[in-house]
């Protein structure tokens, strides 16, 4: 039996406010590394009843082509057990209108596989009225 160990580099962020950019690692230089795991927890002030939503847009999105490699998953809640809002990859890029959540928390996860890479992405979240 042959075992293969895969090491993943991790980066985790919590961001908030009314709007802010977030990027894949090395986006402005030579592109994201292989075997990467990054997460962004986006928090806005909770209001009752809800009057605002989090809108996530990707002005630039360049992931390796394919369905099973590098991907961005967006969840409407605190972690990856929350409802899935979008599964994005090189073949299925984000919609131009963005991805919206009525929750006051959104969890974004980026993973890359161990082969090939691309420039990455630049994302933007906006806290806007519904």
Protein backbone atom coordinates (compact mmCIF):
# COMPACT_ATOMS: atom_id res chain seq x y z
CA UNK A 1 0.00 0.00 0.00
CA UNK A 2 1.23 3.45 -0.86
CA UNK A 3 0.21 6.48 1.18
CA UNK A 4 0.33 9.99 -0.12
CA UNK A 5 0.41 12.97 2.22
CA UNK A 6 -1.06 16.21 0.96
CA UNK A 7 -0.19 19.34 2.86
CA UNK A 8 -2.61 22.25 2.64
CA UNK A 9 -1.73 25.85 3.34
CA UNK A 10 -4.50 27.60 5.24
CA UNK A 11 -5.73 31.16 5.56
CA UNK A 12 -8.82 32.23 7.48
CA UNK A 13 -10.32 35.68 7.78
CA UNK A 14 -13.31 37.37 9.40
CA UNK A 15 -14.38 40.58 7.71
CA UNK A 16 -17.29 42.98 8.14
CA UNK A 17 -18.55 46.49 7.69
CA UNK A 18 -20.52 47.78 4.73
CA UNK A 19 -18.19 46.64 1.94
CA UNK A 20 -14.75 45.13 1.61
CA UNK A 21 -12.60 43.30 -0.94
CA UNK A 22 -11.13 39.85 -0.45
CA UNK A 23 -8.74 37.96 -2.72
CA UNK A 24 -7.30 34.53 -3.26
CA UNK A 25 -3.69 34.17 -2.05
CA UNK A 26 -1.07 35.75 -4.32
CA UNK A 27 -3.79 37.21 -6.54
CA UNK A 28 -1.81 40.33 -7.38
CA UNK A 29 1.45 38.44 -8.04
CA UNK A 30 1.81 34.94 -9.46
CA UNK A 31 -1.53 33.27 -8.70
CA UNK A 32 -2.73 31.00 -5.92
CA UNK A 33 -0.68 28.01 -4.74
CA UNK A 34 -1.68 24.37 -5.05
CA UNK A 35 -3.33 22.60 -2.10
CA UNK A 36 -4.74 25.81 -0.66
CA UNK A 37 -7.64 26.15 1.82
CA UNK A 38 -8.90 29.64 2.64
CA UNK A 39 -12.07 30.88 4.25
CA UNK A 40 -13.71 34.24 4.79
CA UNK A 41 -16.50 34.71 7.30
CA UNK A 42 -18.39 37.87 6.36
CA UNK A 43 -20.42 39.46 9.16
CA UNK A 44 -22.83 42.38 9.07
CA UNK A 45 -24.99 43.77 11.86
CA UNK A 46 -28.02 41.58 12.49
CA UNK A 47 -31.34 43.42 12.25
CA UNK A 48 -34.79 42.20 13.16
CA UNK A 49 -36.68 42.09 10.89
CA UNK A 50 -33.96 41.67 8.25
CA UNK A 51 -33.69 44.77 6.07
CA UNK A 52 -30.29 44.18 4.51
CA UNK A 53 -28.52 41.45 2.60
CA UNK A 54 -24.96 40.51 1.85
CA UNK A 55 -24.17 40.62 -1.86
CA UNK A 56 -20.95 39.00 -3.07
CA UNK A 57 -19.55 39.92 -6.47
CA UNK A 58 -16.40 38.83 -8.25
CA UNK A 59 -15.07 41.60 -10.52
CA UNK A 60 -12.30 39.16 -11.49
CA UNK A 61 -12.55 35.38 -11.36
CA UNK A 62 -9.91 33.10 -12.91
CA UNK A 63 -9.83 29.52 -11.59
CA UNK A 64 -8.41 26.42 -13.22
CA UNK A 65 -10.90 25.00 -15.73
CA UNK A 66 -12.74 21.91 -14.61
CA UNK A 67 -15.44 20.74 -12.22
CA UNK A 68 -13.45 18.89 -9.58
CA UNK A 69 -10.35 20.95 -8.90
CA UNK A 70 -10.18 24.50 -7.66
CA UNK A 71 -13.44 25.96 -6.36
CA UNK A 72 -15.20 28.62 -4.34
CA UNK A 73 -18.16 27.61 -2.18
CA UNK A 74 -20.49 30.23 -0.67
CA UNK A 75 -22.71 29.35 2.31
CA UNK A 76 -25.51 31.35 3.94
CA UNK A 77 -24.40 31.00 7.55
CA UNK A 78 -21.50 30.47 9.94
CA UNK A 79 -19.82 27.44 8.33
CA UNK A 80 -20.01 24.78 5.62
CA UNK A 81 -23.03 23.09 7.24
CA UNK A 82 -25.17 26.15 6.35
CA UNK A 83 -27.26 26.22 3.15
CA UNK A 84 -25.10 26.36 0.02
CA UNK A 85 -25.69 29.51 -2.04
CA UNK A 86 -23.21 28.87 -4.86
CA UNK A 87 -20.53 26.43 -6.03
CA UNK A 88 -18.15 28.20 -8.41
CA UNK A 89 -15.18 26.98 -10.45
CA UNK A 90 -13.41 27.65 -13.75
CA UNK A 91 -16.26 26.08 -15.72
CA UNK A 92 -19.03 27.64 -13.62
CA UNK A 93 -18.02 31.24 -12.83
CA UNK A 94 -20.08 33.53 -10.60
CA UNK A 95 -23.15 35.25 -12.05
CA UNK A 96 -22.61 38.88 -13.08
CA UNK A 97 -25.38 40.00 -10.68
CA UNK A 98 -23.50 38.41 -7.77
CA UNK A 99 -24.59 35.98 -5.06
CA UNK A 100 -26.97 37.30 -2.37
CA UNK A 101 -27.77 36.04 1.11
CA UNK A 102 -30.47 37.27 3.48
CA UNK A 103 -28.41 36.00 6.41
CA UNK A 104 -26.20 38.40 8.37
CA UNK A 105 -23.34 35.90 8.02
CA UNK A 106 -21.83 34.39 4.87
CA UNK A 107 -19.04 31.82 4.79
CA UNK A 108 -16.84 31.70 1.66
CA UNK A 109 -14.41 28.81 1.13
CA UNK A 110 -11.71 28.57 -1.54
CA UNK A 111 -9.86 25.31 -2.14
CA UNK A 112 -7.30 24.40 -4.77
CA UNK A 113 -6.19 20.92 -5.71
CA UNK A 114 -2.62 19.68 -6.02
CA UNK A 115 -2.28 20.19 -9.78
CA UNK A 116 -2.28 23.30 -11.93
CA UNK A 117 -3.25 26.76 -10.88
CA UNK A 118 -4.48 30.07 -12.18
CA UNK A 119 -4.53 33.79 -11.35
CA UNK A 120 -7.32 33.48 -8.76
CA UNK A 121 -10.05 35.93 -7.87
CA UNK A 122 -10.91 39.29 -6.43
CA UNK A 123 -14.18 39.34 -4.56
CA UNK A 124 -16.20 42.15 -3.05
CA UNK A 125 -18.97 42.00 -0.50
CA UNK A 126 -21.59 44.70 -0.11
CA UNK A 127 -24.10 45.15 2.68
CA UNK A 128 -27.17 46.49 0.94
CA UNK A 129 -30.86 47.10 1.58
CA UNK A 130 -33.29 44.44 0.42
